[in-house]
Amino acid sequence: MTAAPFGIAEFHDLEPELEDFSASVTEGLAAIPKTLPCKFFYDDHGSRLFDRICELEDYYPTRTEIAILAENKTAIAERMGASCHLIEFGSGSSRKIRSLLHVIENLAAYTAVDISKGHLLSAAADLAADFPDVVVNAVCADYTLPFEVSPPPSNPEAKRVGFFPGSTIGNFTPDDAVTFLSQAAALLKSGGEMLIGADLKKDPAKLVAAYNDRDGVTAAFNLNLLRRINRELGANFDLTGFRHEAIYNETEGRIEMHLYSLRDQGVRIDGVEVEFSHGESIHTENSYKYSVNDFRDICTRSGFRHIEAWTDPDDLFSIHYIQAA
């Protein structure tokens, strides 16, 4: 356990090593086609840019999910029950959890888990200040890999309830989503439960607009990954030599984010030269879209029992409540 900022009860620093970042970048850019893991979007600047994306007019997921949570918070709190240990995967700014914290009775603890340490600690400290009666813990970790959380000292046997908002589950392929949820089930333990958001299938034009905003914030977010590689790995990407574009892959049922090279060029990373041809893509993110029944099947394959689902009136987004076997 690492010393925590004022207001945070416990902080555990499991931040990935720089070597993990370097190896992932080297491996991804050596692949055909070139890829980079989207989990590395979230340095401090990338996290702030994502918070801005969530406020954009065309980016419907955040406001739609917040509305679903607000509309159904009492029913959700009843499902969770009193004195649970709430664990948020990819907590970010911890904005969406707030409506639930107002209605859950005698919460044993809230543990925020995120890969971006600075953003995590700032958000967790703000939450602790706003909810002084809640025990707030923070874990900096790559939550796509197995990790552990400490039980609340006041109630070590408290039921664990995972919270995984947003459309982040869509960043995994369906098979990888099963793997992630199986790991989550192990963390939550038998009888543990999970509240999870999943973006729904819809008009591709609405999807493409959400990931190609007119203000260029998503483009800046995507390009910031190259800026991070320059800063942390000593690379020499020219950010003006790449452009962002998100496309809908109808066959796979997913949005894909790409960075396209605007010319033939070479980039040196950690002493290795990587060549890009004009028009060549770095595939940086997928966002799979599901029907409610499709996602129910994903949960069942992961070892969860699907209990309930909530959607908005326009069927843009869904929130699911599931229980580990």
Protein backbone atom coordinates (compact mmCIF):
# COMPACT_ATOMS: atom_id res chain seq x y z
CA MET A 1 0.00 0.00 0.00
CA THR A 2 1.26 3.46 -0.97
CA ALA A 3 0.63 6.69 0.92
CA ALA A 4 -2.68 8.15 -0.26
CA PRO A 5 -3.73 11.78 -0.72
CA PHE A 6 -5.91 13.29 1.96
CA GLY A 7 -9.38 11.76 2.01
CA ILE A 8 -8.49 8.48 0.29
CA ALA A 9 -8.47 5.58 2.76
CA GLU A 10 -6.09 3.30 0.83
CA PHE A 11 -4.06 3.62 -2.36
CA HIS A 12 -2.40 0.65 -4.08
CA ASP A 13 0.01 1.50 -6.91
CA LEU A 14 0.11 -1.28 -9.51
CA GLU A 15 0.82 1.07 -12.43
CA PRO A 16 2.25 -0.78 -15.47
CA GLU A 17 6.01 -0.46 -15.90
CA LEU A 18 7.47 1.61 -18.73
CA GLU A 19 8.84 -1.64 -20.17
CA ASP A 20 5.28 -2.92 -20.61
CA PHE A 21 4.38 0.20 -22.60
CA SER A 22 7.53 -0.05 -24.72
CA ALA A 23 7.01 -3.75 -25.48
CA SER A 24 3.38 -3.20 -26.45
CA VAL A 25 4.26 -0.32 -28.78
CA THR A 26 7.13 -2.20 -30.41
CA GLU A 27 5.05 -5.33 -30.91
CA GLY A 28 2.03 -3.43 -32.22
CA LEU A 29 3.93 -1.37 -34.78
CA ALA A 30 5.76 -4.47 -36.03
CA ALA A 31 2.44 -6.19 -36.73
CA ILE A 32 0.60 -6.23 -40.05
CA PRO A 33 -1.57 -4.20 -39.96
CA LYS A 34 0.00 -1.86 -37.39
CA THR A 35 -1.84 -1.50 -34.07
CA LEU A 36 -1.48 0.25 -30.71
CA PRO A 37 -3.35 -0.75 -27.52
CA CYS A 38 -6.13 1.68 -26.66
CA LYS A 39 -5.52 1.26 -22.92
CA PHE A 40 -2.47 3.52 -23.32
CA PHE A 41 -4.63 6.46 -24.42
CA TYR A 42 -5.08 7.36 -20.78
CA ASP A 43 -2.10 9.34 -19.57
CA ASP A 44 -3.10 12.48 -17.67
CA HIS A 45 -3.62 14.56 -20.84
CA GLY A 46 -5.44 11.75 -22.62
CA SER A 47 -7.77 11.33 -19.64
CA ARG A 48 -8.60 15.04 -19.69
CA LEU A 49 -9.27 14.89 -23.44
CA PHE A 50 -11.59 11.93 -22.93
CA ASP A 51 -13.52 13.90 -20.31
CA ARG A 52 -14.01 16.58 -22.99
CA ILE A 53 -15.18 13.96 -25.50
CA CYS A 54 -17.86 12.88 -23.03
CA GLU A 55 -19.33 16.41 -23.14
CA LEU A 56 -19.55 16.63 -26.95
CA GLU A 57 -22.95 16.99 -28.60
CA ASP A 58 -22.41 14.08 -31.00
CA TYR A 59 -20.99 11.75 -28.33
CA TYR A 60 -24.25 10.32 -27.01
CA PRO A 61 -22.99 7.41 -24.79
CA THR A 62 -22.07 9.39 -21.67
CA ARG A 63 -25.18 11.53 -21.29
CA THR A 64 -27.41 8.60 -22.28
CA GLU A 65 -25.86 6.28 -19.71
CA ILE A 66 -26.02 8.95 -16.99
CA ALA A 67 -29.73 9.40 -17.75
CA ILE A 68 -30.35 5.63 -17.52
CA LEU A 69 -28.52 5.50 -14.18
CA ALA A 70 -30.47 8.47 -12.83
CA GLU A 71 -33.80 7.01 -13.95
CA ASN A 72 -33.12 3.58 -12.44
CA LYS A 73 -30.83 4.35 -9.51
CA THR A 74 -33.32 3.18 -6.87
CA ALA A 75 -33.87 -0.17 -8.58
CA ILE A 76 -30.11 -0.57 -9.08
CA ALA A 77 -29.40 0.24 -5.43
CA GLU A 78 -31.97 -2.33 -4.36
CA ARG A 79 -30.22 -4.93 -6.50
CA MET A 80 -26.88 -4.07 -4.92
CA GLY A 81 -28.30 -4.16 -1.41
CA ALA A 82 -26.92 -2.55 1.73
CA SER A 83 -23.28 -2.69 2.86
CA CYS A 84 -21.74 -3.84 -0.45
CA HIS A 85 -18.17 -3.15 -1.59
CA LEU A 86 -18.43 -1.23 -4.87
CA ILE A 87 -15.45 -1.64 -7.26
CA GLU A 88 -15.31 0.55 -10.37
CA PHE A 89 -13.22 -0.65 -13.32
CA GLY A 90 -11.79 2.24 -15.36
CA SER A 91 -13.14 4.84 -12.96
CA GLY A 92 -11.77 7.87 -14.83
CA SER A 93 -13.35 11.00 -13.39
CA SER A 94 -15.71 8.90 -11.18
CA ARG A 95 -18.61 10.97 -12.47
CA LYS A 96 -21.18 8.25 -13.13
CA ILE A 97 -20.88 6.59 -9.74
CA ARG A 98 -22.11 9.69 -7.93
CA SER A 99 -25.82 9.16 -8.50
CA LEU A 100 -25.51 5.64 -7.04
CA LEU A 101 -23.52 6.78 -4.00
CA HIS A 102 -26.49 8.92 -2.98
CA VAL A 103 -28.83 5.91 -2.77
CA ILE A 104 -26.77 2.85 -1.75
CA GLU A 105 -27.28 2.16 1.95
CA ASN A 106 -24.32 1.75 4.33
CA LEU A 107 -21.76 1.23 1.57
CA ALA A 108 -18.84 -0.77 2.99
CA ALA A 109 -16.34 0.88 0.62
CA TYR A 110 -15.89 2.28 -2.88
CA THR A 111 -12.71 1.28 -4.73
CA ALA A 112 -11.76 3.19 -7.89
CA VAL A 113 -9.50 1.32 -10.33
CA ASP A 114 -7.83 3.10 -13.24
CA ILE A 115 -4.61 2.99 -15.27
CA SER A 116 -4.04 6.79 -15.21
CA LYS A 117 -2.57 7.43 -11.76
CA GLY A 118 -2.73 11.21 -11.61
CA HIS A 119 -6.29 11.37 -12.89
CA LEU A 120 -7.32 8.53 -10.58
CA LEU A 121 -5.97 10.16 -7.43
CA SER A 122 -7.44 13.55 -8.26
CA ALA A 123 -10.89 12.11 -8.99
CA ALA A 124 -10.84 9.83 -5.93
CA ALA A 125 -9.82 12.70 -3.64
CA ASP A 126 -12.65 14.87 -5.03
CA LEU A 127 -15.12 12.04 -4.50
CA ALA A 128 -13.92 11.49 -0.91
CA ALA A 129 -14.38 15.21 -0.20
CA ASP A 130 -17.91 15.20 -1.64
CA PHE A 131 -18.92 11.95 0.12
CA PRO A 132 -17.20 12.12 3.53
CA ASP A 133 -19.21 9.15 4.85
CA VAL A 134 -17.94 6.84 2.10
CA VAL A 135 -14.67 4.90 2.48
CA VAL A 136 -12.89 5.69 -0.80
CA ASN A 137 -9.97 3.53 -1.97
CA ALA A 138 -7.91 3.80 -5.16
CA VAL A 139 -5.97 1.19 -7.14
CA CYS A 140 -3.77 2.21 -10.08
CA ALA A 141 -3.72 -0.87 -12.29
CA ASP A 142 -4.25 -2.24 -15.77
CA TYR A 143 -7.67 -3.68 -15.02
CA THR A 144 -7.59 -5.81 -18.19
CA LEU A 145 -5.15 -8.04 -16.28
CA PRO A 146 -5.81 -9.88 -12.99
CA PHE A 147 -5.37 -7.72 -9.88
CA GLU A 148 -6.56 -7.76 -6.26
CA VAL A 149 -8.40 -5.30 -4.03
CA SER A 150 -8.37 -5.18 -0.24
CA PRO A 151 -11.60 -5.99 1.61
CA PRO A 152 -13.05 -3.21 3.76
CA PRO A 153 -11.75 -3.60 7.34
CA SER A 154 -15.20 -2.75 8.69
CA ASN A 155 -16.84 -5.54 6.70
CA PRO A 156 -14.33 -7.98 5.15
CA GLU A 157 -17.10 -10.26 3.87
CA ALA A 158 -19.05 -7.51 2.13
CA LYS A 159 -20.57 -8.52 -1.19
CA ARG A 160 -18.45 -7.21 -4.07
CA VAL A 161 -20.27 -5.36 -6.84
CA GLY A 162 -18.34 -4.33 -9.93
CA PHE A 163 -19.19 -1.18 -11.87
CA PHE A 164 -17.94 -0.93 -15.47
CA PRO A 165 -19.67 2.04 -17.11
CA GLY A 166 -19.25 3.58 -20.52
CA SER A 167 -18.85 1.52 -23.67
CA THR A 168 -15.38 0.31 -22.65
CA ILE A 169 -16.42 -3.34 -22.84
CA GLY A 170 -16.73 -2.68 -26.58
CA ASN A 171 -12.97 -2.06 -26.80
CA PHE A 172 -12.51 -5.82 -26.39
CA THR A 173 -13.25 -8.33 -29.12
CA PRO A 174 -16.20 -10.51 -28.06
CA ASP A 175 -13.82 -13.33 -27.09
CA ASP A 176 -11.60 -10.93 -25.14
CA ALA A 177 -14.70 -9.48 -23.47
CA VAL A 178 -15.48 -12.99 -22.22
CA THR A 179 -11.92 -13.29 -20.88
CA PHE A 180 -12.13 -9.91 -19.13
CA LEU A 181 -15.51 -10.64 -17.57
CA SER A 182 -14.29 -14.07 -16.42
CA GLN A 183 -11.39 -12.32 -14.63
CA ALA A 184 -13.85 -9.84 -13.15
CA ALA A 185 -15.99 -12.73 -11.89
CA ALA A 186 -12.93 -14.16 -10.11
CA LEU A 187 -12.25 -10.78 -8.47
CA LEU A 188 -15.87 -10.34 -7.40
CA LYS A 189 -15.99 -13.91 -6.07
CA SER A 190 -18.93 -16.32 -6.09
CA GLY A 191 -22.19 -14.43 -5.72
CA GLY A 192 -20.57 -11.11 -6.57
CA GLU A 193 -22.43 -8.88 -8.98
CA MET A 194 -21.66 -6.37 -11.69
CA LEU A 195 -23.31 -3.34 -13.28
CA ILE A 196 -21.96 -2.84 -16.79
CA GLY A 197 -22.68 -0.54 -19.73
CA ALA A 198 -22.78 -1.67 -23.37
CA ASP A 199 -23.39 0.48 -26.43
CA LEU A 200 -26.19 -0.74 -28.69
CA LYS A 201 -26.28 -1.29 -32.45
CA LYS A 202 -27.76 1.67 -34.32
CA ASP A 203 -27.57 3.76 -37.48
CA PRO A 204 -23.90 3.70 -38.58
CA ALA A 205 -24.06 7.43 -39.41
CA LYS A 206 -24.77 8.23 -35.76
CA LEU A 207 -21.87 6.02 -34.68
CA VAL A 208 -19.40 7.58 -37.11
CA ALA A 209 -20.44 11.10 -36.07
CA ALA A 210 -19.84 10.24 -32.40
CA TYR A 211 -16.20 9.29 -33.06
CA ASN A 212 -15.36 12.02 -35.62
CA ASP A 213 -16.44 15.12 -33.74
CA ARG A 214 -16.47 18.48 -35.49
CA ASP A 215 -14.26 20.12 -32.85
CA GLY A 216 -11.42 17.65 -33.36
CA VAL A 217 -11.28 16.56 -29.72
CA THR A 218 -11.36 12.85 -30.60
CA ALA A 219 -8.62 13.44 -33.17
CA ALA A 220 -6.49 15.12 -30.49
CA PHE A 221 -7.22 12.20 -28.14
CA ASN A 222 -6.11 9.67 -30.76
CA LEU A 223 -2.98 11.64 -31.74
CA ASN A 224 -2.05 12.10 -28.08
CA LEU A 225 -1.06 8.43 -28.06
CA LEU A 226 1.77 9.29 -30.49
CA ARG A 227 2.70 12.28 -28.32
CA ARG A 228 2.92 9.96 -25.30
CA ILE A 229 5.19 7.56 -27.22
CA ASN A 230 7.44 10.50 -28.12
CA ARG A 231 7.61 11.67 -24.51
CA GLU A 232 8.01 8.36 -22.72
CA LEU A 233 9.89 6.28 -25.29
CA GLY A 234 11.95 8.98 -27.00
CA ALA A 235 10.29 8.49 -30.39
CA ASN A 236 10.10 11.15 -33.08
CA PHE A 237 6.57 10.93 -34.44
CA ASP A 238 5.59 14.05 -36.41
CA LEU A 239 1.96 14.43 -35.33
CA THR A 240 1.23 16.59 -38.38
CA GLY A 241 2.10 13.55 -40.53
CA PHE A 242 -0.93 11.55 -39.31
CA ARG A 243 -4.69 12.11 -39.39
CA HIS A 244 -7.46 10.62 -37.28
CA GLU A 245 -10.46 8.86 -38.77
CA ALA A 246 -13.09 6.56 -37.26
CA ILE A 247 -14.96 4.16 -39.55
CA TYR A 248 -17.77 1.67 -39.04
CA ASN A 249 -16.89 -1.93 -39.90
CA GLU A 250 -20.32 -3.39 -40.59
CA THR A 251 -19.04 -6.95 -40.96
CA GLU A 252 -17.53 -6.91 -37.44
CA GLY A 253 -20.19 -4.65 -35.94
CA ARG A 254 -17.67 -2.17 -34.56
CA ILE A 255 -16.32 1.35 -34.82
CA GLU A 256 -12.59 1.39 -35.61
CA MET A 257 -10.30 4.31 -34.82
CA HIS A 258 -7.27 4.76 -37.04
CA LEU A 259 -4.33 7.10 -37.51
CA TYR A 260 -3.45 7.33 -41.21
CA SER A 261 0.00 8.31 -42.41
CA LEU A 262 -0.17 11.35 -44.70
CA ARG A 263 3.08 10.47 -46.50
CA ASP A 264 5.83 7.91 -46.76
CA GLN A 265 7.83 8.38 -43.57
CA GLY A 266 10.02 6.71 -41.00
CA VAL A 267 9.80 6.97 -37.21
CA ARG A 268 12.53 5.96 -34.77
CA ILE A 269 11.36 4.34 -31.54
CA ASP A 270 13.83 3.11 -28.96
CA GLY A 271 16.53 2.76 -31.62
CA VAL A 272 14.27 0.93 -34.08
CA GLU A 273 13.18 2.47 -37.39
CA VAL A 274 9.50 1.94 -38.27
CA GLU A 275 8.45 2.69 -41.84
CA PHE A 276 5.03 4.02 -42.83
CA SER A 277 3.72 4.19 -46.37
CA HIS A 278 1.37 6.93 -47.53
CA GLY A 279 -2.15 6.02 -46.39
CA GLU A 280 -1.02 3.25 -44.06
CA SER A 281 -3.04 2.96 -40.85
CA ILE A 282 -2.27 2.46 -37.19
CA HIS A 283 -5.39 0.79 -35.78
CA THR A 284 -5.75 2.24 -32.28
CA GLU A 285 -9.19 1.22 -30.99
CA ASN A 286 -12.27 -0.90 -31.60
CA SER A 287 -15.68 -0.21 -30.13
CA TYR A 288 -18.02 -3.16 -30.64
CA LYS A 289 -21.78 -2.55 -30.59
CA TYR A 290 -24.26 -5.13 -29.30
CA SER A 291 -27.93 -5.90 -29.12
CA VAL A 292 -29.25 -6.59 -25.62
CA ASN A 293 -29.52 -10.31 -26.45
CA ASP A 294 -25.98 -10.37 -27.92
CA PHE A 295 -24.58 -8.91 -24.73
CA ARG A 296 -26.62 -11.25 -22.56
CA ASP A 297 -24.89 -14.12 -24.40
CA ILE A 298 -21.46 -12.56 -23.69
CA CYS A 299 -22.30 -12.45 -19.98
CA THR A 300 -23.48 -16.07 -19.96
CA ARG A 301 -20.28 -17.24 -21.69
CA SER A 302 -18.27 -15.39 -19.00
CA GLY A 303 -19.83 -17.28 -16.11
CA PHE A 304 -22.36 -14.62 -15.13
CA ARG A 305 -26.11 -14.94 -14.75
CA HIS A 306 -27.91 -12.08 -16.50
CA ILE A 307 -30.43 -10.54 -14.12
CA GLU A 308 -31.73 -7.32 -15.65
CA ALA A 309 -31.12 -4.76 -18.40
CA TRP A 310 -32.13 -1.12 -18.71
CA THR A 311 -32.12 1.00 -21.90
CA ASP A 312 -33.06 4.55 -22.88
CA PRO A 313 -36.22 5.39 -24.87
CA ASP A 314 -34.26 5.61 -28.14
CA ASP A 315 -32.41 2.30 -27.57
CA LEU A 316 -29.01 3.96 -27.89
CA PHE A 317 -27.37 2.41 -24.83
CA SER A 318 -27.88 -0.40 -22.32
CA ILE A 319 -26.91 -1.11 -18.71
CA HIS A 320 -26.86 -4.69 -17.45
CA TYR A 321 -26.95 -6.21 -13.97
CA ILE A 322 -25.28 -9.62 -13.77
CA GLN A 323 -24.23 -12.06 -11.05
CA ALA A 324 -21.13 -14.27 -10.87
CA ALA A 325 -21.89 -17.99 -10.62
